[in-house]
Amino acid sequence: MTTPPKDLIALGRIVGGHGVRGWVKVQPFSSDSAVLAITKQWWIGKPAGPLAAESAAEKPRAIEILWSRPHSSTFLASVKGVADRTSADQLKGHTVFVAREAFPELATDEYYWVDLIGCTVTTDESGQVQTLGIVHDLLDNPAHPIMSVKQQCLDGTSNVMVDRLDDKERPIFSLIPFVAAHVDAVDLTAKTISTHWPKDF
């Protein structure tokens, strides 16, 4: 396959070579990056150039992974055709992508972070279901993941949901522990997450 699939997910960045046999070291972006230890085809893209036209021309290319494994807070991998430190260092700065379709299936009540981002979050804390906002990001935490939810409210003029802003015109975020005590249900088909989280907390 030479044409990049449309469902590529950025999982990490190559930070350089490791050792003298051409291994590369990858800094993961999130817990979803554990997929790097399973999939055998990665797509790598050069760092974006200063010009839009240059960036658009640099499409990710496929590489074959002979093996990959966690190494402290990074991943080490052996890339087919990369056999020495000089060749490995030439990949430094490349972003590593994997097709979402290649992600292995998860157990019930387990989710990939990439599937949660963009979901609408609701809360029933007041006794009725209200929209709290949109999942903006997920954060690693030693105890449990935390959802960063960009709060939204209904604009009375346009009748559409808009971001809530603070006194300095900055978006307001809720940080919700992703645990059963606060998260009631996740519906990836409807892209909704039901919580009990206080609306103004």
N, C-alpha and C. Protein backbone atom coordinates (compact mmCIF):
# COMPACT_ATOMS: atom_id res chain seq x y z
N MET A 1 0.85 -1.19 0.00
CA MET A 1 0.00 0.00 0.00
C MET A 1 0.89 1.24 0.00
N THR A 2 0.68 2.13 -0.97
CA THR A 2 1.48 3.36 -1.06
C THR A 2 0.65 4.60 -0.76
N THR A 3 -0.67 4.52 -0.91
CA THR A 3 -1.53 5.66 -0.62
C THR A 3 -1.92 5.64 0.85
N PRO A 4 -1.63 6.70 1.59
CA PRO A 4 -1.99 6.70 3.02
C PRO A 4 -3.48 6.54 3.22
N PRO A 5 -3.91 5.67 4.14
CA PRO A 5 -5.34 5.56 4.44
C PRO A 5 -5.86 6.83 5.06
N LYS A 6 -7.18 7.02 5.01
CA LYS A 6 -7.78 8.25 5.52
C LYS A 6 -7.96 8.25 7.03
N ASP A 7 -7.74 7.09 7.67
CA ASP A 7 -7.99 7.02 9.10
C ASP A 7 -6.70 6.97 9.93
N LEU A 8 -5.64 7.60 9.43
CA LEU A 8 -4.37 7.59 10.17
C LEU A 8 -4.49 8.36 11.48
N ILE A 9 -3.91 7.78 12.53
CA ILE A 9 -3.88 8.41 13.84
C ILE A 9 -2.43 8.63 14.25
N ALA A 10 -2.09 9.85 14.62
CA ALA A 10 -0.73 10.15 15.08
C ALA A 10 -0.54 9.58 16.49
N LEU A 11 0.44 8.69 16.65
CA LEU A 11 0.65 8.03 17.93
C LEU A 11 1.96 8.40 18.62
N GLY A 12 2.90 8.98 17.88
CA GLY A 12 4.17 9.31 18.50
C GLY A 12 5.10 10.02 17.53
N ARG A 13 6.31 10.27 18.01
CA ARG A 13 7.32 10.95 17.19
C ARG A 13 8.66 10.27 17.39
N ILE A 14 9.37 10.02 16.29
CA ILE A 14 10.69 9.41 16.36
C ILE A 14 11.67 10.46 16.90
N VAL A 15 12.32 10.13 18.00
CA VAL A 15 13.23 11.09 18.63
C VAL A 15 14.69 10.79 18.33
N GLY A 16 14.94 9.72 17.55
CA GLY A 16 16.31 9.42 17.14
C GLY A 16 16.58 7.93 17.09
N GLY A 17 17.84 7.60 16.81
CA GLY A 17 18.23 6.21 16.78
C GLY A 17 18.60 5.71 18.17
N HIS A 18 18.73 4.38 18.27
CA HIS A 18 19.09 3.77 19.55
C HIS A 18 20.03 2.60 19.25
N GLY A 19 21.23 2.66 19.81
CA GLY A 19 22.19 1.61 19.56
C GLY A 19 22.80 1.72 18.16
N VAL A 20 23.46 0.64 17.73
CA VAL A 20 24.19 0.67 16.45
C VAL A 20 23.54 -0.20 15.38
N ARG A 21 22.39 -0.81 15.68
CA ARG A 21 21.77 -1.72 14.73
C ARG A 21 20.62 -1.10 13.96
N GLY A 22 20.44 0.21 14.08
CA GLY A 22 19.40 0.86 13.30
C GLY A 22 18.06 0.95 14.00
N TRP A 23 18.00 0.65 15.28
CA TRP A 23 16.73 0.77 15.99
C TRP A 23 16.35 2.24 16.13
N VAL A 24 15.05 2.50 16.18
CA VAL A 24 14.58 3.86 16.39
C VAL A 24 13.85 3.95 17.72
N LYS A 25 13.90 5.14 18.31
CA LYS A 25 13.22 5.39 19.58
C LYS A 25 12.05 6.33 19.30
N VAL A 26 10.86 5.96 19.81
CA VAL A 26 9.65 6.73 19.57
C VAL A 26 9.09 7.25 20.88
N GLN A 27 8.81 8.56 20.92
CA GLN A 27 8.14 9.16 22.08
C GLN A 27 6.64 9.10 21.85
N PRO A 28 5.88 8.35 22.67
CA PRO A 28 4.43 8.24 22.44
C PRO A 28 3.69 9.50 22.83
N PHE A 29 2.53 9.69 22.21
CA PHE A 29 1.70 10.86 22.52
C PHE A 29 0.70 10.58 23.64
N SER A 30 0.23 9.34 23.76
CA SER A 30 -0.80 9.01 24.75
C SER A 30 -0.80 7.52 25.01
N SER A 31 -1.71 7.06 25.86
CA SER A 31 -1.79 5.63 26.15
C SER A 31 -2.23 4.83 24.93
N ASP A 32 -2.91 5.47 23.97
CA ASP A 32 -3.27 4.78 22.73
C ASP A 32 -2.04 4.30 21.99
N SER A 33 -0.89 4.90 22.29
CA SER A 33 0.34 4.56 21.57
C SER A 33 0.83 3.16 21.87
N ALA A 34 0.21 2.47 22.82
CA ALA A 34 0.55 1.07 23.07
C ALA A 34 0.32 0.22 21.83
N VAL A 35 -0.51 0.72 20.92
CA VAL A 35 -0.75 0.03 19.65
C VAL A 35 0.55 -0.13 18.86
N LEU A 36 1.52 0.74 19.10
CA LEU A 36 2.80 0.66 18.39
C LEU A 36 3.51 -0.67 18.63
N ALA A 37 3.25 -1.31 19.74
CA ALA A 37 3.90 -2.57 20.06
C ALA A 37 3.23 -3.76 19.39
N ILE A 38 2.13 -3.51 18.69
CA ILE A 38 1.34 -4.60 18.10
C ILE A 38 1.35 -4.56 16.59
N THR A 39 1.15 -3.37 16.02
CA THR A 39 1.02 -3.26 14.57
C THR A 39 2.37 -3.38 13.88
N LYS A 40 2.37 -3.93 12.68
CA LYS A 40 3.60 -4.15 11.92
C LYS A 40 3.75 -3.18 10.75
N GLN A 41 2.77 -2.31 10.54
CA GLN A 41 2.92 -1.28 9.53
C GLN A 41 2.66 0.08 10.15
N TRP A 42 3.67 0.92 10.08
CA TRP A 42 3.53 2.30 10.50
C TRP A 42 3.58 3.19 9.28
N TRP A 43 3.08 4.38 9.44
CA TRP A 43 3.23 5.42 8.44
C TRP A 43 3.98 6.56 9.09
N ILE A 44 4.99 7.08 8.41
CA ILE A 44 5.77 8.16 9.00
C ILE A 44 5.69 9.39 8.09
N GLY A 45 5.56 10.55 8.73
CA GLY A 45 5.48 11.80 8.00
C GLY A 45 6.57 12.75 8.46
N LYS A 46 7.18 13.43 7.52
CA LYS A 46 8.23 14.39 7.85
C LYS A 46 7.64 15.55 8.65
N PRO A 47 8.48 16.19 9.46
CA PRO A 47 8.01 17.39 10.16
C PRO A 47 7.51 18.42 9.17
N ALA A 48 6.43 19.13 9.52
CA ALA A 48 5.84 20.11 8.62
C ALA A 48 6.83 21.22 8.29
N GLY A 49 6.87 21.60 7.02
CA GLY A 49 7.75 22.68 6.58
C GLY A 49 7.12 24.03 6.83
N PRO A 50 7.87 25.12 6.61
CA PRO A 50 7.36 26.47 6.87
C PRO A 50 6.31 26.93 5.89
N LEU A 51 6.24 26.29 4.71
CA LEU A 51 5.28 26.70 3.70
C LEU A 51 4.16 25.68 3.60
N ALA A 52 2.92 26.17 3.45
CA ALA A 52 1.75 25.28 3.38
C ALA A 52 1.88 24.31 2.22
N ALA A 53 2.36 24.80 1.07
CA ALA A 53 2.48 23.94 -0.11
C ALA A 53 3.48 22.83 0.14
N GLU A 54 4.57 23.16 0.84
CA GLU A 54 5.59 22.15 1.14
C GLU A 54 5.02 21.09 2.08
N SER A 55 4.27 21.53 3.10
CA SER A 55 3.70 20.60 4.06
C SER A 55 2.70 19.68 3.38
N ALA A 56 1.88 20.22 2.48
CA ALA A 56 0.86 19.42 1.82
C ALA A 56 1.48 18.36 0.93
N ALA A 57 2.70 18.62 0.41
CA ALA A 57 3.34 17.69 -0.51
C ALA A 57 3.95 16.50 0.22
N GLU A 58 4.19 16.64 1.51
CA GLU A 58 4.85 15.60 2.28
C GLU A 58 3.82 14.63 2.86
N LYS A 59 3.42 13.65 2.07
CA LYS A 59 2.46 12.67 2.55
C LYS A 59 3.17 11.58 3.33
N PRO A 60 2.53 11.02 4.35
CA PRO A 60 3.16 9.93 5.10
C PRO A 60 3.47 8.75 4.19
N ARG A 61 4.55 8.03 4.51
CA ARG A 61 4.91 6.83 3.74
C ARG A 61 4.93 5.64 4.68
N ALA A 62 4.65 4.48 4.13
CA ALA A 62 4.56 3.26 4.92
C ALA A 62 5.94 2.68 5.18
N ILE A 63 6.12 2.14 6.39
CA ILE A 63 7.34 1.39 6.72
C ILE A 63 6.92 0.09 7.39
N GLU A 64 7.75 -0.94 7.22
CA GLU A 64 7.46 -2.24 7.83
C GLU A 64 8.25 -2.38 9.13
N ILE A 65 7.55 -2.77 10.18
CA ILE A 65 8.16 -2.90 11.50
C ILE A 65 8.46 -4.38 11.76
N LEU A 66 9.73 -4.70 11.99
CA LEU A 66 10.12 -6.07 12.28
C LEU A 66 9.75 -6.46 13.70
N TRP A 67 9.97 -5.53 14.62
CA TRP A 67 9.52 -5.70 16.01
C TRP A 67 9.49 -4.33 16.67
N SER A 68 8.70 -4.23 17.72
CA SER A 68 8.67 -3.02 18.53
C SER A 68 8.29 -3.40 19.95
N ARG A 69 8.78 -2.62 20.92
CA ARG A 69 8.49 -2.94 22.32
C ARG A 69 8.65 -1.69 23.17
N PRO A 70 7.93 -1.65 24.31
CA PRO A 70 8.10 -0.52 25.23
C PRO A 70 9.51 -0.49 25.79
N HIS A 71 10.01 0.72 26.03
CA HIS A 71 11.33 0.90 26.63
C HIS A 71 11.26 2.13 27.52
N SER A 72 11.10 1.89 28.83
CA SER A 72 10.89 2.97 29.78
C SER A 72 9.65 3.76 29.34
N SER A 73 9.78 5.06 29.10
CA SER A 73 8.62 5.86 28.69
C SER A 73 8.52 6.00 27.17
N THR A 74 9.35 5.25 26.44
CA THR A 74 9.35 5.32 24.98
C THR A 74 9.10 3.93 24.39
N PHE A 75 9.20 3.85 23.06
CA PHE A 75 9.16 2.57 22.35
C PHE A 75 10.42 2.44 21.52
N LEU A 76 10.94 1.23 21.44
CA LEU A 76 12.02 0.92 20.52
C LEU A 76 11.47 0.06 19.40
N ALA A 77 11.99 0.27 18.18
CA ALA A 77 11.50 -0.50 17.04
C ALA A 77 12.61 -0.74 16.05
N SER A 78 12.51 -1.88 15.36
CA SER A 78 13.41 -2.20 14.27
C SER A 78 12.62 -2.06 12.96
N VAL A 79 13.11 -1.18 12.08
CA VAL A 79 12.43 -0.89 10.83
C VAL A 79 13.13 -1.63 9.69
N LYS A 80 12.36 -2.31 8.88
CA LYS A 80 12.94 -3.03 7.74
C LYS A 80 13.69 -2.06 6.84
N GLY A 81 14.94 -2.41 6.52
CA GLY A 81 15.74 -1.57 5.65
C GLY A 81 16.57 -0.52 6.37
N VAL A 82 16.38 -0.39 7.68
CA VAL A 82 17.16 0.55 8.48
C VAL A 82 18.09 -0.28 9.37
N ALA A 83 19.38 -0.29 9.02
CA ALA A 83 20.30 -1.24 9.65
C ALA A 83 21.45 -0.59 10.41
N ASP A 84 21.51 0.74 10.48
CA ASP A 84 22.59 1.37 11.21
C ASP A 84 22.11 2.66 11.87
N ARG A 85 22.91 3.17 12.76
CA ARG A 85 22.52 4.34 13.55
C ARG A 85 22.32 5.58 12.66
N THR A 86 23.15 5.73 11.63
CA THR A 86 23.02 6.90 10.76
C THR A 86 21.66 6.91 10.07
N SER A 87 21.24 5.75 9.54
CA SER A 87 19.94 5.65 8.87
C SER A 87 18.80 5.90 9.84
N ALA A 88 18.95 5.39 11.07
CA ALA A 88 17.91 5.58 12.07
C ALA A 88 17.77 7.05 12.45
N ASP A 89 18.91 7.73 12.60
CA ASP A 89 18.88 9.14 12.99
C ASP A 89 18.27 10.02 11.90
N GLN A 90 18.28 9.56 10.66
CA GLN A 90 17.67 10.33 9.57
C GLN A 90 16.15 10.39 9.70
N LEU A 91 15.59 9.50 10.52
CA LEU A 91 14.13 9.49 10.73
C LEU A 91 13.72 10.37 11.91
N LYS A 92 14.70 10.96 12.57
CA LYS A 92 14.40 11.79 13.74
C LYS A 92 13.43 12.92 13.37
N GLY A 93 12.43 13.12 14.22
CA GLY A 93 11.46 14.18 14.00
C GLY A 93 10.23 13.75 13.23
N HIS A 94 10.27 12.56 12.61
CA HIS A 94 9.10 12.08 11.87
C HIS A 94 7.97 11.72 12.84
N THR A 95 6.77 12.04 12.46
CA THR A 95 5.59 11.62 13.22
C THR A 95 5.20 10.21 12.79
N VAL A 96 4.83 9.39 13.77
CA VAL A 96 4.43 8.00 13.49
C VAL A 96 2.92 7.90 13.54
N PHE A 97 2.34 7.36 12.47
CA PHE A 97 0.90 7.16 12.37
C PHE A 97 0.59 5.67 12.23
N VAL A 98 -0.60 5.29 12.69
CA VAL A 98 -1.12 3.94 12.46
C VAL A 98 -2.57 4.09 12.02
N ALA A 99 -3.00 3.28 11.08
CA ALA A 99 -4.40 3.32 10.63
C ALA A 99 -5.32 2.90 11.77
N ARG A 100 -6.38 3.66 12.01
CA ARG A 100 -7.32 3.32 13.08
C ARG A 100 -7.88 1.93 12.88
N GLU A 101 -8.06 1.51 11.64
CA GLU A 101 -8.60 0.18 11.34
C GLU A 101 -7.68 -0.93 11.85
N ALA A 102 -6.40 -0.62 12.02
CA ALA A 102 -5.44 -1.63 12.47
C ALA A 102 -5.41 -1.78 13.98
N PHE A 103 -6.10 -0.91 14.70
CA PHE A 103 -6.12 -1.02 16.17
C PHE A 103 -6.84 -2.32 16.56
N PRO A 104 -6.30 -3.09 17.50
CA PRO A 104 -6.99 -4.31 17.94
C PRO A 104 -8.26 -3.98 18.72
N GLU A 105 -9.19 -4.92 18.71
CA GLU A 105 -10.43 -4.76 19.46
C GLU A 105 -10.14 -4.72 20.95
N LEU A 106 -10.93 -3.92 21.67
CA LEU A 106 -10.78 -3.81 23.12
C LEU A 106 -11.88 -4.58 23.85
N ALA A 107 -11.64 -4.84 25.11
CA ALA A 107 -12.66 -5.49 25.93
C ALA A 107 -13.79 -4.50 26.21
N THR A 108 -14.91 -5.02 26.67
CA THR A 108 -16.05 -4.18 27.03
C THR A 108 -15.63 -3.15 28.08
N ASP A 109 -16.11 -1.92 27.91
CA ASP A 109 -15.81 -0.82 28.82
C ASP A 109 -14.35 -0.35 28.74
N GLU A 110 -13.67 -0.70 27.65
CA GLU A 110 -12.36 -0.14 27.38
C GLU A 110 -12.45 0.69 26.10
N TYR A 111 -11.72 1.81 26.05
CA TYR A 111 -11.86 2.73 24.92
C TYR A 111 -10.50 3.30 24.53
N TYR A 112 -10.35 3.52 23.25
CA TYR A 112 -9.20 4.27 22.78
C TYR A 112 -9.48 5.75 22.95
N TRP A 113 -8.48 6.48 23.38
CA TRP A 113 -8.67 7.91 23.62
C TRP A 113 -9.12 8.63 22.35
N VAL A 114 -8.56 8.23 21.23
CA VAL A 114 -8.87 8.92 19.98
C VAL A 114 -10.36 8.84 19.66
N ASP A 115 -11.03 7.78 20.13
CA ASP A 115 -12.47 7.64 19.87
C ASP A 115 -13.31 8.50 20.81
N LEU A 116 -12.73 8.91 21.93
CA LEU A 116 -13.47 9.72 22.90
C LEU A 116 -13.39 11.21 22.60
N ILE A 117 -12.29 11.62 21.99
CA ILE A 117 -12.12 13.05 21.68
C ILE A 117 -13.18 13.49 20.67
N GLY A 118 -13.86 14.59 20.99
CA GLY A 118 -14.93 15.09 20.13
C GLY A 118 -16.32 14.65 20.55
N CYS A 119 -16.39 13.71 21.50
CA CYS A 119 -17.70 13.27 21.97
C CYS A 119 -18.38 14.37 22.78
N THR A 120 -19.71 14.44 22.68
CA THR A 120 -20.48 15.37 23.49
C THR A 120 -20.68 14.78 24.89
N VAL A 121 -20.38 15.57 25.90
CA VAL A 121 -20.50 15.11 27.29
C VAL A 121 -21.74 15.74 27.91
N THR A 122 -22.57 14.91 28.51
CA THR A 122 -23.77 15.40 29.20
C THR A 122 -23.65 15.11 30.69
N THR A 123 -24.47 15.81 31.48
CA THR A 123 -24.50 15.57 32.92
C THR A 123 -25.94 15.57 33.41
N ASP A 124 -26.23 14.69 34.38
CA ASP A 124 -27.55 14.65 34.99
C ASP A 124 -27.48 15.14 36.43
N GLU A 125 -26.44 15.87 36.76
CA GLU A 125 -26.18 16.30 38.14
C GLU A 125 -27.33 17.13 38.71
N SER A 126 -28.03 17.89 37.87
CA SER A 126 -29.10 18.75 38.36
C SER A 126 -30.46 18.06 38.39
N GLY A 127 -30.49 16.79 38.00
CA GLY A 127 -31.75 16.05 37.96
C GLY A 127 -32.30 15.92 36.56
N GLN A 128 -31.76 16.67 35.63
CA GLN A 128 -32.14 16.54 34.23
C GLN A 128 -30.88 16.57 33.37
N VAL A 129 -30.95 15.91 32.22
CA VAL A 129 -29.77 15.81 31.37
C VAL A 129 -29.50 17.14 30.67
N GLN A 130 -28.28 17.62 30.82
CA GLN A 130 -27.84 18.86 30.18
C GLN A 130 -26.50 18.63 29.49
N THR A 131 -26.25 19.38 28.44
CA THR A 131 -24.96 19.30 27.76
C THR A 131 -23.91 20.03 28.58
N LEU A 132 -22.81 19.34 28.85
CA LEU A 132 -21.70 19.95 29.58
C LEU A 132 -20.66 20.52 28.60
N GLY A 133 -20.35 19.77 27.55
CA GLY A 133 -19.37 20.26 26.59
C GLY A 133 -18.87 19.15 25.68
N ILE A 134 -17.67 19.34 25.13
CA ILE A 134 -17.06 18.43 24.18
C ILE A 134 -15.72 17.95 24.72
N VAL A 135 -15.42 16.66 24.56
CA VAL A 135 -14.13 16.14 25.00
C VAL A 135 -13.03 16.76 24.14
N HIS A 136 -12.16 17.52 24.78
CA HIS A 136 -11.08 18.21 24.08
C HIS A 136 -9.80 17.39 24.08
N ASP A 137 -9.56 16.67 25.19
CA ASP A 137 -8.32 15.91 25.32
C ASP A 137 -8.49 14.93 26.48
N LEU A 138 -7.57 13.98 26.57
CA LEU A 138 -7.50 13.10 27.73
C LEU A 138 -6.10 13.16 28.29
N LEU A 139 -6.02 13.12 29.61
CA LEU A 139 -4.74 13.32 30.29
C LEU A 139 -4.36 12.08 31.07
N ASP A 140 -3.07 11.73 31.00
CA ASP A 140 -2.57 10.61 31.79
C ASP A 140 -2.51 11.01 33.25
N ASN A 141 -2.87 10.08 34.10
CA ASN A 141 -2.83 10.29 35.54
C ASN A 141 -2.48 8.96 36.18
N PRO A 142 -1.64 8.93 37.21
CA PRO A 142 -1.27 7.64 37.81
C PRO A 142 -2.46 6.80 38.28
N ALA A 143 -3.51 7.46 38.74
CA ALA A 143 -4.67 6.73 39.26
C ALA A 143 -5.66 6.34 38.16
N HIS A 144 -5.91 7.27 37.22
CA HIS A 144 -6.90 7.03 36.18
C HIS A 144 -6.80 8.14 35.14
N PRO A 145 -7.31 7.90 33.92
CA PRO A 145 -7.30 8.97 32.92
C PRO A 145 -8.26 10.09 33.33
N ILE A 146 -8.01 11.27 32.82
CA ILE A 146 -8.87 12.42 33.10
C ILE A 146 -9.31 13.04 31.77
N MET A 147 -10.63 13.23 31.62
CA MET A 147 -11.16 13.89 30.44
C MET A 147 -11.09 15.40 30.61
N SER A 148 -10.54 16.07 29.63
CA SER A 148 -10.57 17.53 29.60
C SER A 148 -11.73 17.92 28.68
N VAL A 149 -12.79 18.47 29.28
CA VAL A 149 -14.01 18.78 28.54
C VAL A 149 -14.14 20.29 28.37
N LYS A 150 -14.19 20.74 27.13
CA LYS A 150 -14.39 22.16 26.86
C LYS A 150 -15.87 22.46 27.04
N GLN A 151 -16.19 23.27 28.04
CA GLN A 151 -17.59 23.55 28.36
C GLN A 151 -18.27 24.33 27.23
N GLN A 152 -19.55 24.03 27.03
CA GLN A 152 -20.35 24.72 26.02
C GLN A 152 -21.71 25.10 26.61
N CYS A 153 -22.33 26.09 25.98
CA CYS A 153 -23.66 26.52 26.39
C CYS A 153 -24.43 26.94 25.14
N LEU A 154 -25.74 27.06 25.29
CA LEU A 154 -26.59 27.42 24.15
C LEU A 154 -26.59 28.93 23.96
N ASP A 155 -26.23 29.37 22.77
CA ASP A 155 -26.25 30.79 22.45
C ASP A 155 -27.68 31.20 22.12
N GLY A 156 -28.20 32.16 22.88
CA GLY A 156 -29.60 32.55 22.70
C GLY A 156 -29.89 33.20 21.37
N THR A 157 -28.89 33.79 20.74
CA THR A 157 -29.10 34.48 19.47
C THR A 157 -29.11 33.52 18.28
N SER A 158 -28.09 32.66 18.23
CA SER A 158 -27.96 31.74 17.09
C SER A 158 -28.62 30.40 17.34
N ASN A 159 -28.96 30.12 18.62
CA ASN A 159 -29.57 28.85 19.01
C ASN A 159 -28.67 27.64 18.71
N VAL A 160 -27.35 27.85 18.80
CA VAL A 160 -26.39 26.77 18.64
C VAL A 160 -25.48 26.74 19.86
N MET A 161 -24.83 25.59 20.07
CA MET A 161 -23.92 25.46 21.20
C MET A 161 -22.61 26.17 20.90
N VAL A 162 -22.14 26.98 21.86
CA VAL A 162 -20.89 27.71 21.71
C VAL A 162 -20.05 27.48 22.95
N ASP A 163 -18.74 27.74 22.84
CA ASP A 163 -17.84 27.56 23.98
C ASP A 163 -18.15 28.57 25.08
N ARG A 164 -18.11 28.10 26.32
CA ARG A 164 -18.19 29.02 27.46
C ARG A 164 -16.83 29.66 27.66
N LEU A 165 -16.81 30.94 27.92
CA LEU A 165 -15.56 31.68 28.09
C LEU A 165 -15.50 32.33 29.46
N ASP A 166 -14.28 32.49 29.96
CA ASP A 166 -14.11 33.18 31.24
C ASP A 166 -14.02 34.68 31.01
N ASP A 167 -13.69 35.43 32.05
CA ASP A 167 -13.64 36.89 31.96
C ASP A 167 -12.58 37.39 30.99
N LYS A 168 -11.61 36.53 30.68
CA LYS A 168 -10.54 36.91 29.75
C LYS A 168 -10.76 36.30 28.37
N GLU A 169 -11.99 35.86 28.11
CA GLU A 169 -12.36 35.31 26.80
C GLU A 169 -11.62 34.01 26.49
N ARG A 170 -11.29 33.26 27.53
CA ARG A 170 -10.63 31.97 27.34
C ARG A 170 -11.63 30.84 27.58
N PRO A 171 -11.52 29.72 26.82
CA PRO A 171 -12.43 28.59 27.03
C PRO A 171 -12.33 28.05 28.45
N ILE A 172 -13.45 27.59 28.98
CA ILE A 172 -13.50 27.00 30.31
C ILE A 172 -13.52 25.47 30.17
N PHE A 173 -12.72 24.79 30.96
CA PHE A 173 -12.62 23.34 30.88
C PHE A 173 -13.04 22.69 32.19
N SER A 174 -13.68 21.53 32.08
CA SER A 174 -13.94 20.66 33.22
C SER A 174 -12.99 19.47 33.12
N LEU A 175 -12.38 19.09 34.24
CA LEU A 175 -11.48 17.94 34.27
C LEU A 175 -12.19 16.82 35.02
N ILE A 176 -12.62 15.80 34.28
CA ILE A 176 -13.47 14.74 34.83
C ILE A 176 -12.71 13.42 34.88
N PRO A 177 -12.53 12.84 36.07
CA PRO A 177 -11.90 11.52 36.15
C PRO A 177 -12.72 10.50 35.34
N PHE A 178 -12.03 9.73 34.50
CA PHE A 178 -12.73 8.76 33.65
C PHE A 178 -12.88 7.46 34.43
N VAL A 179 -13.80 7.48 35.40
CA VAL A 179 -14.07 6.32 36.25
C VAL A 179 -15.59 6.18 36.38
N ALA A 180 -16.02 4.99 36.78
CA ALA A 180 -17.46 4.68 36.83
C ALA A 180 -18.22 5.59 37.79
N ALA A 181 -17.55 6.09 38.81
CA ALA A 181 -18.24 6.96 39.78
C ALA A 181 -18.74 8.25 39.13
N HIS A 182 -18.08 8.68 38.06
CA HIS A 182 -18.46 9.94 37.41
C HIS A 182 -18.99 9.75 35.99
N VAL A 183 -18.54 8.69 35.32
CA VAL A 183 -18.96 8.43 33.94
C VAL A 183 -19.96 7.30 33.94
N ASP A 184 -21.17 7.60 33.48
CA ASP A 184 -22.25 6.61 33.53
C ASP A 184 -22.26 5.72 32.29
N ALA A 185 -22.09 6.30 31.10
CA ALA A 185 -22.18 5.51 29.88
C ALA A 185 -21.43 6.20 28.75
N VAL A 186 -20.88 5.37 27.84
CA VAL A 186 -20.21 5.88 26.65
C VAL A 186 -20.88 5.25 25.44
N ASP A 187 -21.34 6.08 24.51
CA ASP A 187 -21.96 5.61 23.29
C ASP A 187 -21.14 6.14 22.12
N LEU A 188 -20.23 5.30 21.61
CA LEU A 188 -19.35 5.75 20.53
C LEU A 188 -20.11 5.94 19.22
N THR A 189 -21.21 5.22 19.04
CA THR A 189 -22.00 5.37 17.82
C THR A 189 -22.64 6.75 17.78
N ALA A 190 -23.20 7.16 18.91
CA ALA A 190 -23.83 8.48 19.01
C ALA A 190 -22.83 9.57 19.36
N LYS A 191 -21.57 9.18 19.68
CA LYS A 191 -20.52 10.12 20.10
C LYS A 191 -20.96 10.92 21.33
N THR A 192 -21.50 10.22 22.34
CA THR A 192 -21.93 10.87 23.57
C THR A 192 -21.36 10.15 24.79
N ILE A 193 -21.11 10.91 25.84
CA ILE A 193 -20.66 10.36 27.11
C ILE A 193 -21.54 10.96 28.20
N SER A 194 -22.20 10.11 28.96
CA SER A 194 -23.10 10.54 30.04
C SER A 194 -22.34 10.53 31.36
N THR A 195 -22.45 11.63 32.11
CA THR A 195 -21.73 11.73 33.39
C THR A 195 -22.68 12.26 34.47
N HIS A 196 -22.15 12.23 35.69
CA HIS A 196 -22.84 12.83 36.85
C HIS A 196 -22.08 14.07 37.33
N TRP A 197 -21.22 14.59 36.50
CA TRP A 197 -20.30 15.65 36.93
C TRP A 197 -21.04 16.99 37.10
N PRO A 198 -20.74 17.74 38.17
CA PRO A 198 -21.39 19.04 38.36
C PRO A 198 -21.13 19.99 37.18
N LYS A 199 -22.17 20.62 36.71
CA LYS A 199 -22.07 21.43 35.51
C LYS A 199 -21.12 22.62 35.65
N ASP A 200 -21.04 23.19 36.85
CA ASP A 200 -20.21 24.38 37.05
C ASP A 200 -18.94 24.10 37.81
N PHE A 201 -18.50 22.84 37.78
CA PHE A 201 -17.28 22.49 38.53
C PHE A 201 -16.11 22.36 37.56
